[in-house]
Protein backbone atom coordinates (compact mmCIF):
# COMPACT_ATOMS: atom_id res chain seq x y z
CA MET A 1 -32.06 -8.75 71.69
CA TYR A 2 -29.07 -7.78 73.86
CA GLU A 3 -30.47 -4.33 74.71
CA SER A 4 -32.60 -5.49 77.66
CA PHE A 5 -29.82 -7.74 78.99
CA TYR A 6 -27.44 -4.78 79.20
CA GLY A 7 -30.09 -2.25 80.22
CA LEU A 8 -30.01 -0.26 76.96
CA HIS A 9 -33.08 1.60 75.76
CA SER A 10 -32.15 1.38 72.06
CA LYS A 11 -29.81 -0.47 69.73
CA PRO A 12 -26.45 1.35 69.78
CA PHE A 13 -24.85 -0.20 66.72
CA GLN A 14 -27.53 -0.17 64.06
CA LEU A 15 -26.37 0.16 60.46
CA ARG A 16 -29.10 2.64 59.50
CA PRO A 17 -27.73 6.21 59.56
CA ASP A 18 -29.24 7.99 62.56
CA PRO A 19 -28.35 11.63 63.32
CA ASN A 20 -29.18 11.02 66.99
CA PHE A 21 -26.00 8.93 67.18
CA PHE A 22 -23.85 11.44 65.28
CA PHE A 23 -20.29 11.49 66.62
CA GLY A 24 -18.14 14.49 65.88
CA SER A 25 -14.70 13.05 65.20
CA LYS A 26 -12.04 15.48 63.98
CA GLY A 27 -12.80 14.50 60.40
CA HIS A 28 -16.57 14.69 60.80
CA LYS A 29 -16.37 18.10 62.47
CA ARG A 30 -14.25 19.42 59.63
CA ALA A 31 -16.60 17.95 57.03
CA MET A 32 -19.58 19.48 58.83
CA SER A 33 -17.77 22.82 58.85
CA TYR A 34 -17.33 22.60 55.08
CA LEU A 35 -21.03 21.83 54.62
CA GLU A 36 -22.05 24.71 56.86
CA TYR A 37 -19.60 27.00 55.05
CA GLY A 38 -21.13 25.94 51.76
CA LEU A 39 -24.59 26.76 53.06
CA SER A 40 -23.43 30.19 54.13
CA GLN A 41 -22.17 30.86 50.58
CA GLY A 42 -25.49 29.90 49.04
CA GLU A 43 -24.06 28.86 45.69
CA GLY A 44 -21.90 26.36 43.83
CA PHE A 45 -21.00 22.79 44.69
CA ILE A 46 -19.62 21.27 47.89
CA VAL A 47 -17.91 17.87 47.43
CA ILE A 48 -17.42 15.43 50.33
CA THR A 49 -15.74 12.09 49.67
CA GLY A 50 -14.99 9.18 51.95
CA GLU A 51 -14.62 5.41 52.10
CA VAL A 52 -17.67 3.12 52.18
CA GLY A 53 -19.18 3.37 55.66
CA ALA A 54 -17.19 6.48 56.63
CA GLY A 55 -20.35 8.29 57.77
CA LYS A 56 -21.14 10.61 54.84
CA THR A 57 -24.90 9.93 54.92
CA THR A 58 -25.06 10.37 58.70
CA LEU A 59 -23.22 13.65 58.21
CA VAL A 60 -25.87 14.91 55.81
CA ARG A 61 -28.75 13.78 57.99
CA ASN A 62 -27.20 15.61 60.91
CA LEU A 63 -26.96 18.68 58.69
CA PHE A 64 -30.61 18.33 57.66
CA ARG A 65 -31.60 18.26 61.31
CA LYS A 66 -29.95 21.66 61.77
CA LEU A 67 -31.51 23.28 58.73
CA GLU A 68 -34.11 25.96 59.22
CA SER A 69 -37.10 24.72 57.24
CA ASN A 70 -38.43 28.25 56.88
CA ARG A 71 -35.23 29.27 55.06
CA ILE A 72 -33.95 26.18 53.20
CA VAL A 73 -35.80 23.58 51.13
CA ALA A 74 -33.63 20.46 50.85
CA ALA A 75 -33.93 17.15 49.04
CA GLN A 76 -31.63 14.16 48.65
CA ILE A 77 -31.02 11.75 45.76
CA VAL A 78 -29.64 8.36 46.78
CA ASN A 79 -30.21 6.32 43.61
CA THR A 80 -27.48 7.62 41.33
CA HIS A 81 -27.38 4.88 38.69
CA LEU A 82 -28.87 7.38 36.28
CA ASN A 83 -28.28 8.31 32.69
CA SER A 84 -28.36 11.96 31.67
CA ASP A 85 -32.03 11.72 30.60
CA ASP A 86 -33.11 10.44 34.03
CA THR A 87 -31.23 13.05 36.02
CA LEU A 88 -33.76 15.85 35.69
CA ARG A 89 -36.65 13.48 36.46
CA ALA A 90 -34.86 12.31 39.62
CA VAL A 91 -34.28 15.90 40.77
CA VAL A 92 -37.88 16.92 40.14
CA ALA A 93 -39.15 13.81 41.94
CA ALA A 94 -36.82 14.40 44.91
CA PHE A 95 -38.47 17.76 45.56
CA GLY A 96 -41.94 16.20 45.18
CA LEU A 97 -42.88 18.22 42.13
CA PRO A 98 -45.66 17.03 39.79
CA PHE A 99 -44.81 15.80 36.30
CA ASP A 100 -47.28 17.93 34.38
CA ASP A 101 -45.17 17.79 31.24
CA PRO A 102 -42.73 14.82 31.18
CA THR A 103 -40.61 16.28 28.38
CA LYS A 104 -37.22 17.73 29.28
CA THR A 105 -38.36 21.22 28.39
CA GLY A 106 -41.48 20.81 30.51
CA LEU A 107 -39.49 19.47 33.49
CA LEU A 108 -36.95 22.29 33.27
CA THR A 109 -39.76 24.85 33.18
CA ARG A 110 -41.45 23.23 36.18
CA PHE A 111 -38.20 23.14 38.16
CA GLU A 112 -37.35 26.75 37.35
CA GLN A 113 -40.80 27.83 38.52
CA PHE A 114 -40.20 25.93 41.76
CA LEU A 115 -36.82 27.64 42.28
CA ARG A 116 -38.16 31.13 41.61
CA TYR A 117 -41.22 30.56 43.82
CA ASN A 118 -38.98 29.62 46.78
CA ASP A 119 -36.73 32.58 46.11
CA LYS A 120 -39.72 34.92 46.36
CA GLN A 121 -40.62 33.22 49.65
CA GLY A 122 -37.13 34.00 50.94
CA LYS A 123 -36.04 30.35 50.81
CA ARG A 124 -33.03 28.68 49.24
CA VAL A 125 -33.07 25.29 47.52
CA LEU A 126 -30.46 22.66 48.36
CA LEU A 127 -29.92 19.41 46.46
CA VAL A 128 -27.84 16.63 48.05
CA VAL A 129 -26.63 13.85 45.75
CA ASP A 130 -25.38 10.76 47.59
CA GLU A 131 -23.27 7.97 46.03
CA ALA A 132 -21.93 10.46 43.49
CA GLN A 133 -19.24 8.01 42.35
CA ASN A 134 -21.97 6.27 40.30
CA LEU A 135 -22.66 9.37 38.24
CA THR A 136 -21.44 9.43 34.67
CA PRO A 137 -19.72 12.58 33.36
CA LYS A 138 -22.86 13.38 31.33
CA THR A 139 -25.02 13.09 34.43
CA VAL A 140 -22.68 15.38 36.37
CA GLU A 141 -22.90 17.84 33.51
CA GLU A 142 -26.71 17.76 33.74
CA LEU A 143 -26.44 18.66 37.43
CA ARG A 144 -24.05 21.48 36.59
CA MET A 145 -26.50 22.87 34.04
CA LEU A 146 -29.17 23.11 36.76
CA SER A 147 -26.89 25.47 38.67
CA ASN A 148 -27.33 27.97 35.85
CA PHE A 149 -30.71 28.97 37.25
CA GLN A 150 -30.11 32.30 39.00
CA THR A 151 -31.38 35.80 39.54
CA ALA A 152 -29.40 38.94 38.86
CA ASP A 153 -27.52 38.64 42.14
CA LYS A 154 -27.63 35.02 43.35
CA SER A 155 -27.93 31.35 42.43
CA LEU A 156 -31.26 29.62 42.91
CA LEU A 157 -29.85 26.12 43.50
CA GLN A 158 -26.97 24.79 45.53
CA THR A 159 -25.70 21.20 45.30
CA PHE A 160 -23.76 18.93 47.66
CA LEU A 161 -22.07 15.90 46.09
CA LEU A 162 -21.19 12.99 48.41
CA GLY A 163 -19.27 10.02 47.08
CA GLN A 164 -16.59 7.42 47.50
CA PRO A 165 -12.93 8.32 46.78
CA GLU A 166 -13.19 7.29 43.11
CA PHE A 167 -15.51 10.26 42.51
CA ARG A 168 -12.44 12.46 42.86
CA ARG A 169 -11.10 10.91 39.65
CA THR A 170 -14.32 11.85 37.87
CA LEU A 171 -14.08 15.36 39.27
CA HIS A 172 -10.51 15.80 38.04
CA SER A 173 -11.09 14.39 34.57
CA GLU A 174 -10.56 16.71 31.60
CA ASP A 175 -14.25 17.18 30.80
CA MET A 176 -15.09 18.30 34.37
CA GLN A 177 -13.35 21.67 34.14
CA GLN A 178 -16.57 23.69 34.16
CA LEU A 179 -17.84 21.82 37.23
CA ARG A 180 -14.54 22.28 39.09
CA GLN A 181 -14.84 26.02 38.57
CA ARG A 182 -18.10 25.95 40.52
CA VAL A 183 -16.83 23.81 43.42
CA ILE A 184 -16.36 26.16 46.36
CA ALA A 185 -15.10 23.54 48.82
CA THR A 186 -14.09 19.88 48.87
CA TYR A 187 -13.14 17.56 51.72
CA HIS A 188 -12.15 13.90 52.10
CA LEU A 189 -13.56 12.17 55.18
CA GLY A 190 -10.93 9.75 56.46
CA PRO A 191 -11.13 6.96 59.07
CA MET A 192 -10.93 7.50 62.83
CA ASP A 193 -7.77 6.81 64.80
CA ALA A 194 -7.64 4.41 67.77
CA PRO A 195 -8.61 6.91 70.51
CA GLU A 196 -11.50 8.24 68.40
CA THR A 197 -12.68 4.68 67.73
CA GLN A 198 -13.01 4.11 71.48
CA GLN A 199 -14.73 7.45 71.94
CA TYR A 200 -17.10 6.62 69.06
CA ILE A 201 -18.09 3.28 70.60
CA GLU A 202 -18.62 4.80 74.04
CA HIS A 203 -20.58 7.71 72.56
CA ARG A 204 -23.01 5.36 70.86
CA LEU A 205 -23.33 3.24 74.00
CA HIS A 206 -23.99 6.26 76.22
CA THR A 207 -26.57 7.53 73.70
CA ALA A 208 -28.34 4.17 74.05
CA GLY A 209 -28.33 4.33 77.86
CA TRP A 210 -25.15 2.41 78.71
CA LYS A 211 -24.25 2.35 82.42
CA GLY A 212 -20.92 0.53 82.08
CA ASP A 213 -22.28 -2.97 81.53
CA PRO A 214 -20.56 -4.66 79.80
CA ILE A 215 -17.04 -3.39 80.40
CA LEU A 216 -14.84 -3.27 77.29
CA THR A 217 -11.17 -3.71 78.07
CA ALA A 218 -8.40 -1.62 76.51
CA ASP A 219 -7.21 -4.54 74.37
CA ALA A 220 -10.78 -5.03 73.15
CA TYR A 221 -10.84 -1.46 71.81
CA GLU A 222 -7.44 -2.02 70.20
CA ALA A 223 -8.62 -5.20 68.47
CA ILE A 224 -11.79 -3.46 67.23
CA HIS A 225 -9.81 -0.59 65.73
CA GLU A 226 -7.24 -2.89 64.14
CA PHE A 227 -9.92 -4.93 62.38
CA THR A 228 -12.23 -2.07 61.33
CA GLY A 229 -9.58 0.50 60.43
CA GLY A 230 -11.67 3.17 62.16
CA ILE A 231 -14.54 2.99 59.64
CA PRO A 232 -17.84 3.64 61.50
CA ARG A 233 -19.98 1.13 59.61
CA LYS A 234 -17.45 -1.66 60.15
CA ILE A 235 -17.27 -0.75 63.84
CA ASN A 236 -21.06 -0.95 64.10
CA THR A 237 -21.19 -4.34 62.41
CA LEU A 238 -18.48 -5.82 64.62
CA CYS A 239 -19.77 -4.35 67.88
CA ASP A 240 -23.33 -5.45 67.18
CA ARG A 241 -22.14 -9.03 66.78
CA LEU A 242 -19.86 -8.65 69.81
CA PHE A 243 -22.69 -7.53 72.09
CA LEU A 244 -24.91 -10.31 70.76
CA MET A 245 -22.25 -12.86 71.73
CA GLY A 246 -21.94 -11.16 75.13
CA TYR A 247 -25.67 -11.58 75.66
CA LEU A 248 -25.71 -15.22 74.56
CA GLU A 249 -22.78 -16.09 76.84
CA GLU A 250 -23.91 -13.73 79.64
CA LEU A 251 -20.67 -11.75 79.64
CA HIS A 252 -20.21 -8.56 81.64
CA GLU A 253 -16.64 -7.96 80.52
CA ILE A 254 -15.50 -8.17 76.92
CA GLY A 255 -11.85 -8.40 75.99
CA ALA A 256 -9.67 -8.98 72.95
CA ASP A 257 -10.29 -12.75 73.03
CA GLU A 258 -14.01 -12.23 72.56
CA VAL A 259 -13.43 -9.63 69.84
CA ASN A 260 -11.09 -11.95 67.96
CA GLU A 261 -13.58 -14.80 68.25
CA VAL A 262 -16.31 -12.68 66.65
CA ILE A 263 -13.86 -11.48 63.98
CA LYS A 264 -13.03 -15.11 63.18
CA ASP A 265 -16.75 -15.92 62.80
CA ILE A 266 -17.27 -12.94 60.48
CA GLN A 267 -14.27 -13.85 58.36
CA GLU A 268 -15.45 -17.45 58.03
CA GLU A 269 -18.91 -16.30 56.95
CA PHE A 270 -17.45 -14.22 54.14
CA THR A 271 -14.81 -16.71 53.04
CA ALA A 272 -15.53 -18.32 49.67
CA PRO A 273 -16.20 -22.09 49.85
CA PRO A 274 -13.32 -24.33 48.77
CA ALA A 275 -13.09 -25.27 45.11
CA GLU A 276 -14.60 -28.54 44.00
CA PRO A 277 -12.05 -31.39 44.13
CA ALA A 278 -10.58 -32.42 40.81
CA MET A 279 -12.28 -35.40 39.15
CA ARG A 280 -10.47 -38.68 39.48
CA PRO A 281 -9.36 -40.50 36.31
CA MET A 282 -12.12 -42.70 34.98
CA TYR A 283 -10.37 -46.00 35.61
CA ALA A 284 -8.24 -45.11 38.63
CA GLY A 285 -8.46 -47.56 41.53
CA LEU A 286 -10.89 -49.94 39.86
CA ALA A 287 -11.72 -53.16 41.67
CA PRO A 288 -12.15 -56.42 39.76
CA GLY A 289 -15.13 -56.11 37.48
CA GLY A 290 -14.34 -52.51 36.53
CA PHE A 291 -15.72 -50.74 39.64
CA THR A 292 -14.06 -49.11 42.65
CA ASP A 293 -14.66 -50.69 46.02
CA SER A 294 -16.88 -47.80 47.10
CA THR A 295 -18.84 -48.02 43.84
CA SER A 296 -19.40 -51.75 44.36
CA GLU A 297 -20.72 -51.12 47.86
CA SER A 298 -23.03 -48.40 46.57
CA LEU A 299 -24.38 -50.70 43.86
CA GLU A 300 -25.08 -53.42 46.41
CA HIS A 301 -27.07 -50.99 48.55
CA LEU A 302 -28.89 -49.80 45.44
CA ASP A 303 -29.84 -53.38 44.52
CA GLU A 304 -31.24 -53.93 48.01
CA ARG A 305 -33.31 -50.74 47.82
CA LEU A 306 -34.65 -51.63 44.39
CA SER A 307 -35.62 -55.09 45.61
CA LYS A 308 -37.52 -53.59 48.53
CA ILE A 309 -39.29 -51.14 46.22
CA GLU A 310 -40.28 -53.97 43.87
CA ARG A 311 -41.69 -56.01 46.75
CA SER A 312 -43.64 -52.98 47.97
CA VAL A 313 -45.06 -52.29 44.53
CA THR A 314 -46.07 -55.96 44.15
CA SER A 315 -47.86 -55.89 47.50
CA VAL A 316 -49.74 -52.74 46.56
CA LEU A 317 -50.80 -54.25 43.23
CA ASP A 318 -52.08 -57.36 44.99
CA VAL A 319 -54.17 -55.24 47.34
CA LEU A 320 -55.59 -53.24 44.43
CA LYS A 321 -56.50 -56.41 42.56
CA ARG A 322 -58.37 -57.77 45.58
CA MET A 323 -60.23 -54.47 46.00
CA ILE A 324 -61.27 -54.48 42.35
CA SER A 325 -62.44 -58.10 42.55
CA THR A 326 -64.48 -57.37 45.69
CA SER A 327 -66.12 -54.32 44.09
CA LYS A 328 -67.21 -56.39 41.06
CA ILE A 329 -68.91 -58.95 43.30
């Protein structure tokens, strides 16, 4: 909606992860380095954690864009509310393999054949598991077992685990010792600082064709960072609403006042409604006759409405009677 008003050729602050808008903050560059290092090793697990909206999925999609399809076959699992029995099915489905034999033994055989076929073709297989914090310890163990497929000199499957910070607790639990031994690198993706937040916003705007309209003042950038904490998804949500307001009010300069106004609107939208008022005592404030004044007025209006309804019904009945009498004649 605001794109044409500001001369943009695409929406700069969409929530959908788009590698075309990838911004290499210090944290994202380091995380990407860990992923690329993991790929170069060709084995084990790489673990990347970060807050909700920190950009983990965008990171992976940017990595996928760089992959050489003639050397690496990659697939991603995003629905991780799985029990241990569903894990293998999800992996097989992610790589688009047929379910010739739905039993666990049959699925394992089918997946091993897939791994060995790609190895003969000179390709490596990469599995990316997003939202890993939802995985149960048994499900993580199922993923670890898949890493046992190997030839005499190399592993046939490599796995990246992406999750929110709580996944680190799962990883460091007592029953995850065998998995930890196969983790070759781990990194926590933190939020961006204030200067990076400004650079991130301007990067996305320039990618969408921004020519400096609207101008964002220094205090606007400060207010955006203070509210979002440097989390990319929160920045996108706020800036999208901010530019929409700018379009509706035909603004060509946006400052802290406008940012704070949008923040106030967002906070009001997500504020729980007030609790229902406590019920008044049954006989409190009764007027003579046992009713409150407001109740008496309501009853009077109700009597008037009922009287009107009765008169209307009577008139309709009279008309029906006349129609019936006429039809008999």
